[in-house]
C-alpha atoms as a PDB file:
ATOM      1  CA  MET A   1       0.000   0.000   0.000  1.00  0.00           C
ATOM      2  CA  ARG A   2       2.836   2.329   0.895  1.00  0.00           C
ATOM      3  CA  THR A   3       4.413   1.571  -2.491  1.00  0.00           C
ATOM      4  CA  ASP A   4       1.219   2.655  -4.268  1.00  0.00           C
ATOM      5  CA  ASN A   5       1.203   5.890  -2.297  1.00  0.00           C
ATOM      6  CA  LYS A   6       4.735   6.585  -3.486  1.00  0.00           C
ATOM      7  CA  ILE A   7       4.038   5.676  -7.100  1.00  0.00           C
ATOM      8  CA  GLU A   8       0.899   7.788  -7.553  1.00  0.00           C
ATOM      9  CA  PRO A   9       2.570  11.167  -6.849  1.00  0.00           C
ATOM     10  CA  ALA A  10       5.417  10.163  -9.180  1.00  0.00           C
ATOM     11  CA  ILE A  11       2.929   9.377 -11.936  1.00  0.00           C
ATOM     12  CA  ARG A  12       1.119  12.670 -11.381  1.00  0.00           C
ATOM     13  CA  THR A  13       4.429  14.543 -11.524  1.00  0.00           C
ATOM     14  CA  ARG A  14       5.401  12.774 -14.747  1.00  0.00           C
ATOM     15  CA  HIS A  15       2.033  13.562 -16.327  1.00  0.00           C
ATOM     16  CA  ALA A  16       2.318  17.202 -15.285  1.00  0.00           C
ATOM     17  CA  THR A  17       5.826  17.368 -16.771  1.00  0.00           C
ATOM     18  CA  ASN A  18       4.596  15.821 -20.014  1.00  0.00           C
ATOM     19  CA  ARG A  19       1.708  18.296 -20.236  1.00  0.00           C
ATOM     20  CA  ALA A  20       4.086  21.199 -19.639  1.00  0.00           C
ATOM     21  CA  ALA A  21       6.453  19.868 -22.313  1.00  0.00           C
ATOM     22  CA  ASP A  22       3.570  19.608 -24.777  1.00  0.00           C
ATOM     23  CA  ARG A  23       2.515  23.194 -24.080  1.00  0.00           C
ATOM     24  CA  ILE A  24       6.086  24.446 -24.387  1.00  0.00           C
ATOM     25  CA  LEU A  25       6.574  22.623 -27.683  1.00  0.00           C
ATOM     26  CA  ALA A  26       3.268  23.903 -29.089  1.00  0.00           C
ATOM     27  CA  ALA A  27       4.171  27.468 -28.132  1.00  0.00           C
ATOM     28  CA  ALA A  28       7.682  27.117 -29.531  1.00  0.00           C
ATOM     29  CA  ARG A  29       6.401  25.676 -32.788  1.00  0.00           C
ATOM     30  CA  ASP A  30       4.034  28.599 -33.316  1.00  0.00           C
ATOM     31  CA  LEU A  31       6.606  31.243 -32.401  1.00  0.00           C
ATOM     32  CA  PHE A  32       9.580  29.653 -34.151  1.00  0.00           C
ATOM     33  CA  TYR A  33       7.680  29.136 -37.387  1.00  0.00           C
ATOM     34  CA  LYS A  34       6.126  32.599 -37.518  1.00  0.00           C
ATOM     35  CA  GLN A  35       9.047  34.676 -36.264  1.00  0.00           C
ATOM     36  CA  GLY A  36      12.177  32.551 -36.587  1.00  0.00           C
ATOM     37  CA  ILE A  37      14.041  30.517 -33.998  1.00  0.00           C
ATOM     38  CA  ARG A  38      16.822  32.974 -33.233  1.00  0.00           C
ATOM     39  CA  ALA A  39      14.359  35.846 -32.828  1.00  0.00           C
ATOM     40  CA  ILE A  40      12.491  34.098 -30.016  1.00  0.00           C
ATOM     41  CA  GLY A  41      13.905  33.770 -26.505  1.00  0.00           C
ATOM     42  CA  VAL A  42      12.923  31.203 -23.895  1.00  0.00           C
ATOM     43  CA  ASP A  43      11.161  33.919 -21.873  1.00  0.00           C
ATOM     44  CA  GLU A  44       8.719  34.447 -24.714  1.00  0.00           C
ATOM     45  CA  VAL A  45       8.173  30.702 -25.118  1.00  0.00           C
ATOM     46  CA  VAL A  46       7.358  30.122 -21.457  1.00  0.00           C
ATOM     47  CA  ARG A  47       5.110  33.186 -21.381  1.00  0.00           C
ATOM     48  CA  LYS A  48       3.092  31.928 -24.327  1.00  0.00           C
ATOM     49  CA  ALA A  49       3.025  28.379 -22.924  1.00  0.00           C
ATOM     50  CA  GLY A  50       1.917  29.606 -19.492  1.00  0.00           C
ATOM     51  CA  VAL A  51       4.681  27.731 -17.657  1.00  0.00           C
ATOM     52  CA  THR A  52       7.837  28.633 -15.752  1.00  0.00           C
ATOM     53  CA  LYS A  53      11.359  28.688 -17.088  1.00  0.00           C
ATOM     54  CA  PRO A  54      12.422  25.782 -14.814  1.00  0.00           C
ATOM     55  CA  SER A  55       9.591  23.753 -16.398  1.00  0.00           C
ATOM     56  CA  LEU A  56      11.128  24.357 -19.809  1.00  0.00           C
ATOM     57  CA  TYR A  57      14.578  23.263 -18.703  1.00  0.00           C
ATOM     58  CA  ARG A  58      13.186  20.142 -17.022  1.00  0.00           C
ATOM     59  CA  SER A  59      11.788  19.097 -20.395  1.00  0.00           C
ATOM     60  CA  PHE A  60      14.471  20.468 -22.731  1.00  0.00           C
ATOM     61  CA  SER A  61      18.122  20.781 -21.798  1.00  0.00           C
ATOM     62  CA  SER A  62      18.552  24.015 -23.775  1.00  0.00           C
ATOM     63  CA  LYS A  63      16.901  26.282 -26.321  1.00  0.00           C
ATOM     64  CA  ASP A  64      18.924  24.472 -28.995  1.00  0.00           C
ATOM     65  CA  GLU A  65      17.365  21.168 -27.959  1.00  0.00           C
ATOM     66  CA  LEU A  66      13.909  22.764 -27.958  1.00  0.00           C
ATOM     67  CA  ALA A  67      14.555  24.003 -31.500  1.00  0.00           C
ATOM     68  CA  ALA A  68      15.719  20.554 -32.603  1.00  0.00           C
ATOM     69  CA  THR A  69      12.642  18.938 -31.025  1.00  0.00           C
ATOM     70  CA  TYR A  70      10.372  21.411 -32.819  1.00  0.00           C
ATOM     71  CA  LEU A  71      12.068  20.500 -36.105  1.00  0.00           C
ATOM     72  CA  ARG A  72      11.836  16.759 -35.421  1.00  0.00           C
ATOM     73  CA  GLN A  73       8.087  17.211 -34.947  1.00  0.00           C
ATOM     74  CA  TYR A  74       7.982  19.321 -38.126  1.00  0.00           C
ATOM     75  CA  ASP A  75       9.857  16.552 -39.943  1.00  0.00           C
ATOM     76  CA  HIS A  76       7.311  13.974 -38.775  1.00  0.00           C
ATOM     77  CA  ASP A  77       4.398  16.104 -39.987  1.00  0.00           C
ATOM     78  CA  PHE A  78       6.135  16.825 -43.296  1.00  0.00           C
ATOM     79  CA  TRP A  79       6.485  13.138 -44.100  1.00  0.00           C
ATOM     80  CA  GLU A  80       2.904  12.491 -43.072  1.00  0.00           C
ATOM     81  CA  HIS A  81       1.796  14.994 -45.753  1.00  0.00           C
ATOM     82  CA  PHE A  82       4.159  13.418 -48.249  1.00  0.00           C
ATOM     83  CA  GLU A  83       2.929   9.876 -47.523  1.00  0.00           C
ATOM     84  CA  GLU A  84      -0.693  10.976 -47.893  1.00  0.00           C
ATOM     85  CA  SER A  85       0.084  11.839 -51.526  1.00  0.00           C
ATOM     86  CA  VAL A  86       1.949   8.569 -52.048  1.00  0.00           C
ATOM     87  CA  LYS A  87      -0.963   6.558 -50.676  1.00  0.00           C
ATOM     88  CA  ALA A  88      -3.481   8.522 -52.733  1.00  0.00           C
ATOM     89  CA  PHE A  89      -1.878   7.324 -56.003  1.00  0.00           C
ATOM     90  CA  PRO A  90      -0.307   3.898 -55.410  1.00  0.00           C
ATOM     91  CA  GLY A  91       2.184   2.916 -58.077  1.00  0.00           C
ATOM     92  CA  ASP A  92       2.036   6.304 -59.842  1.00  0.00           C
ATOM     93  CA  PRO A  93       5.025   8.429 -58.751  1.00  0.00           C
ATOM     94  CA  ARG A  94       4.197  11.219 -61.192  1.00  0.00           C
ATOM     95  CA  ALA A  95       0.701  11.672 -59.753  1.00  0.00           C
ATOM     96  CA  GLN A  96       2.103  11.331 -56.221  1.00  0.00           C
ATOM     97  CA  ILE A  97       4.608  14.158 -56.535  1.00  0.00           C
ATOM     98  CA  LEU A  98       2.202  16.435 -58.410  1.00  0.00           C
ATOM     99  CA  HIS A  99      -0.448  15.873 -55.727  1.00  0.00           C
ATOM    100  CA  PHE A 100       2.060  16.734 -53.017  1.00  0.00           C
ATOM    101  CA  LEU A 101       3.191  19.873 -54.832  1.00  0.00           C
ATOM    102  CA  GLU A 102      -0.410  20.971 -55.383  1.00  0.00           C
ATOM    103  CA  GLY A 103      -0.870  20.821 -51.611  1.00  0.00           C
ATOM    104  CA  VAL A 104       2.247  22.927 -51.052  1.00  0.00           C
ATOM    105  CA  ALA A 105       1.003  25.450 -53.625  1.00  0.00           C
ATOM    106  CA  ARG A 106      -2.366  25.737 -51.875  1.00  0.00           C
ATOM    107  CA  ARG A 107      -0.773  26.231 -48.476  1.00  0.00           C
ATOM    108  CA  SER A 108       1.653  28.787 -49.894  1.00  0.00           C
ATOM    109  CA  GLN A 109      -1.255  31.023 -50.892  1.00  0.00           C
ATOM    110  CA  LYS A 110      -2.536  31.355 -47.337  1.00  0.00           C
ATOM    111  CA  PRO A 111      -1.904  34.585 -45.402  1.00  0.00           C
ATOM    112  CA  ARG A 112       1.170  34.575 -43.130  1.00  0.00           C
ATOM    113  CA  TYR A 113       2.636  31.525 -44.862  1.00  0.00           C
ATOM    114  CA  ARG A 114       6.284  31.262 -43.851  1.00  0.00           C
ATOM    115  CA  GLY A 115       7.529  28.572 -46.191  1.00  0.00           C
ATOM    116  CA  CYS A 116       9.268  25.452 -44.924  1.00  0.00           C
ATOM    117  CA  GLY A 117      10.402  25.434 -41.304  1.00  0.00           C
ATOM    118  CA  MET A 118      13.329  23.203 -42.286  1.00  0.00           C
ATOM    119  CA  THR A 119      14.530  25.590 -44.978  1.00  0.00           C
ATOM    120  CA  ASN A 120      14.158  28.563 -42.641  1.00  0.00           C
ATOM    121  CA  ALA A 121      16.126  26.812 -39.895  1.00  0.00           C
ATOM    122  CA  ALA A 122      18.931  25.884 -42.295  1.00  0.00           C
ATOM    123  CA  VAL A 123      19.251  29.560 -43.250  1.00  0.00           C
ATOM    124  CA  GLU A 124      19.220  30.636 -39.597  1.00  0.00           C
ATOM    125  CA  TYR A 125      21.830  28.085 -38.521  1.00  0.00           C
ATOM    126  CA  PRO A 126      24.791  27.804 -40.904  1.00  0.00           C
ATOM    127  CA  GLU A 127      26.827  25.952 -38.258  1.00  0.00           C
ATOM    128  CA  PRO A 128      26.995  22.305 -39.458  1.00  0.00           C
ATOM    129  CA  ASP A 129      27.012  20.856 -35.924  1.00  0.00           C
ATOM    130  CA  HIS A 130      24.041  22.809 -34.607  1.00  0.00           C
ATOM    131  CA  PRO A 131      21.216  20.412 -33.584  1.00  0.00           C
ATOM    132  CA  ALA A 132      18.607  22.353 -35.591  1.00  0.00           C
ATOM    133  CA  ARG A 133      20.855  22.385 -38.653  1.00  0.00           C
ATOM    134  CA  ARG A 134      21.390  18.627 -38.458  1.00  0.00           C
ATOM    135  CA  VAL A 135      17.653  17.905 -38.364  1.00  0.00           C
ATOM    136  CA  SER A 136      17.065  20.239 -41.307  1.00  0.00           C
ATOM    137  CA  GLU A 137      19.838  18.728 -43.393  1.00  0.00           C
ATOM    138  CA  GLU A 138      18.621  15.179 -42.812  1.00  0.00           C
ATOM    139  CA  ASN A 139      15.116  16.147 -43.908  1.00  0.00           C
ATOM    140  CA  LYS A 140      16.369  17.769 -47.115  1.00  0.00           C
ATOM    141  CA  LYS A 141      18.730  14.897 -47.930  1.00  0.00           C
ATOM    142  CA  GLU A 142      15.912  12.386 -47.527  1.00  0.00           C
ATOM    143  CA  LEU A 143      13.601  14.516 -49.664  1.00  0.00           C
ATOM    144  CA  ARG A 144      16.248  14.677 -52.395  1.00  0.00           C
ATOM    145  CA  ARG A 145      16.715  10.914 -52.239  1.00  0.00           C
ATOM    146  CA  ARG A 146      12.989  10.283 -52.534  1.00  0.00           C
ATOM    147  CA  LEU A 147      12.491  12.717 -55.399  1.00  0.00           C
ATOM    148  CA  ARG A 148      15.341  11.123 -57.337  1.00  0.00           C
ATOM    149  CA  ALA A 149      13.864   7.666 -56.693  1.00  0.00           C
ATOM    150  CA  MET A 150      10.439   8.841 -57.875  1.00  0.00           C
ATOM    151  CA  ALA A 151      12.014  10.363 -60.992  1.00  0.00           C
ATOM    152  CA  SER A 152      13.656   7.024 -61.710  1.00  0.00           C
ATOM    153  CA  ALA A 153      10.343   5.219 -61.255  1.00  0.00           C
ATOM    154  CA  MET A 154       8.760   7.642 -63.754  1.00  0.00           C
ATOM    155  CA  GLY A 155      11.323   6.600 -66.372  1.00  0.00           C
ATOM    156  CA  ALA A 156      13.165   9.914 -66.614  1.00  0.00           C
ATOM    157  CA  ARG A 157      16.172  10.022 -68.930  1.00  0.00           C
ATOM    158  CA  ASP A 158      18.260  11.426 -66.066  1.00  0.00           C
ATOM    159  CA  PRO A 159      16.477  10.721 -62.767  1.00  0.00           C
ATOM    160  CA  ASP A 160      19.003  12.626 -60.670  1.00  0.00           C
ATOM    161  CA  ASP A 161      18.581  15.780 -62.752  1.00  0.00           C
ATOM    162  CA  LEU A 162      14.790  15.550 -62.625  1.00  0.00           C
ATOM    163  CA  GLY A 163      14.754  14.846 -58.892  1.00  0.00           C
ATOM    164  CA  ASP A 164      17.039  17.790 -58.233  1.00  0.00           C
ATOM    165  CA  GLY A 165      14.975  20.005 -60.547  1.00  0.00           C
ATOM    166  CA  LEU A 166      11.811  19.167 -58.599  1.00  0.00           C
ATOM    167  CA  LEU A 167      13.613  19.920 -55.349  1.00  0.00           C
ATOM    168  CA  LEU A 168      14.759  23.302 -56.686  1.00  0.00           C
ATOM    169  CA  LEU A 169      11.196  24.156 -57.737  1.00  0.00           C
ATOM    170  CA  LEU A 170       9.921  23.232 -54.287  1.00  0.00           C
ATOM    171  CA  GLU A 171      12.570  25.261 -52.460  1.00  0.00           C
ATOM    172  CA  GLY A 172      11.898  28.200 -54.766  1.00  0.00           C
ATOM    173  CA  ALA A 173       8.207  28.014 -53.927  1.00  0.00           C
ATOM    174  CA  TYR A 174       8.969  28.079 -50.198  1.00  0.00           C
ATOM    175  CA  ILE A 175      10.966  31.285 -50.537  1.00  0.00           C
ATOM    176  CA  SER A 176       8.970  33.071 -53.240  1.00  0.00           C
ATOM    177  CA  ALA A 177       5.721  32.574 -51.299  1.00  0.00           C
ATOM    178  CA  GLN A 178       7.191  34.648 -48.481  1.00  0.00           C
ATOM    179  CA  LEU A 179       8.235  37.377 -50.907  1.00  0.00           C
ATOM    180  CA  PHE A 180       5.151  37.600 -53.129  1.00  0.00           C
ATOM    181  CA  GLY A 181       2.381  36.242 -50.913  1.00  0.00           C
ATOM    182  CA  PRO A 182      -0.953  35.105 -52.375  1.00  0.00           C
ATOM    183  CA  ASP A 183      -1.087  34.991 -56.170  1.00  0.00           C
ATOM    184  CA  GLY A 184       2.718  34.795 -56.371  1.00  0.00           C
ATOM    185  CA  PRO A 185       4.647  32.294 -58.507  1.00  0.00           C
ATOM    186  CA  SER A 186       4.350  29.512 -55.920  1.00  0.00           C
ATOM    187  CA  ARG A 187       0.729  29.015 -57.006  1.00  0.00           C
ATOM    188  CA  SER A 188       2.020  27.472 -60.271  1.00  0.00           C
ATOM    189  CA  LEU A 189       4.424  25.060 -58.538  1.00  0.00           C
ATOM    190  CA  ALA A 190       2.670  21.874 -59.666  1.00  0.00           C
ATOM    191  CA  ARG A 191       2.206  23.147 -63.239  1.00  0.00           C
ATOM    192  CA  ASN A 192       5.894  23.976 -63.581  1.00  0.00           C
ATOM    193  CA  ALA A 193       6.794  20.598 -62.104  1.00  0.00           C
ATOM    194  CA  GLU A 194       4.535  18.943 -64.666  1.00  0.00           C
ATOM    195  CA  LEU A 195       6.326  20.779 -67.494  1.00  0.00           C
ATOM    196  CA  LEU A 196       9.707  19.735 -66.108  1.00  0.00           C
ATOM    197  CA  ILE A 197       8.610  16.108 -65.793  1.00  0.00           C
ATOM    198  CA  GLU A 198       7.217  16.088 -69.316  1.00  0.00           C
ATOM    199  CA  ALA A 199      10.456  17.468 -70.734  1.00  0.00           C
ATOM    200  CA  SER A 200      12.480  14.923 -68.754  1.00  0.00           C
ATOM    201  CA  LEU A 201      10.447  11.978 -70.034  1.00  0.00           C
ATOM    202  CA  ARG A 202      10.444  13.082 -73.671  1.00  0.00           C
ATOM    203  CA  GLY A 203      12.717  11.519 -76.261  1.00  0.00           C
END
């Protein structure tokens, strides 16, 4: 019985810590995406999350680790979107990538769109060993690998060139959407990708 009495407070403490971590991460994700990671201090994160600074450091060893955790969550969500397009068109890599890019184009037309959190973090953190930089680089390397593999499955004359071309279009859409906003060139992302694919398959 005494053991149960000791365990229950420990469980409650762990649950409270987990809830605080979730609130901190949600606040950080919103602030980091909208305003940039370097621009936001931990004081602003804890204020938005409604927790104390010690609560943040119990859950995350540093702001750098909080940034890396935010990006790992972003990475997870990114691949969920990507896999939704893959599952929507089984066995048809051309339709899969165009469907994914259409989704990016739609999102890029929304007010206050800030592009890709991974791309933004890579620009903010040029240091190769920074935790946020490492997460961003791994995401982009995996995306490049997948696009090249999809280009190969489409039967492109040069799959690596087509995969890289699609990646360049995507990265350009992320940046141009922030510059031009709604009705900017990012709205034609999928159409330009289609033209590039068609040219790569011809001949």
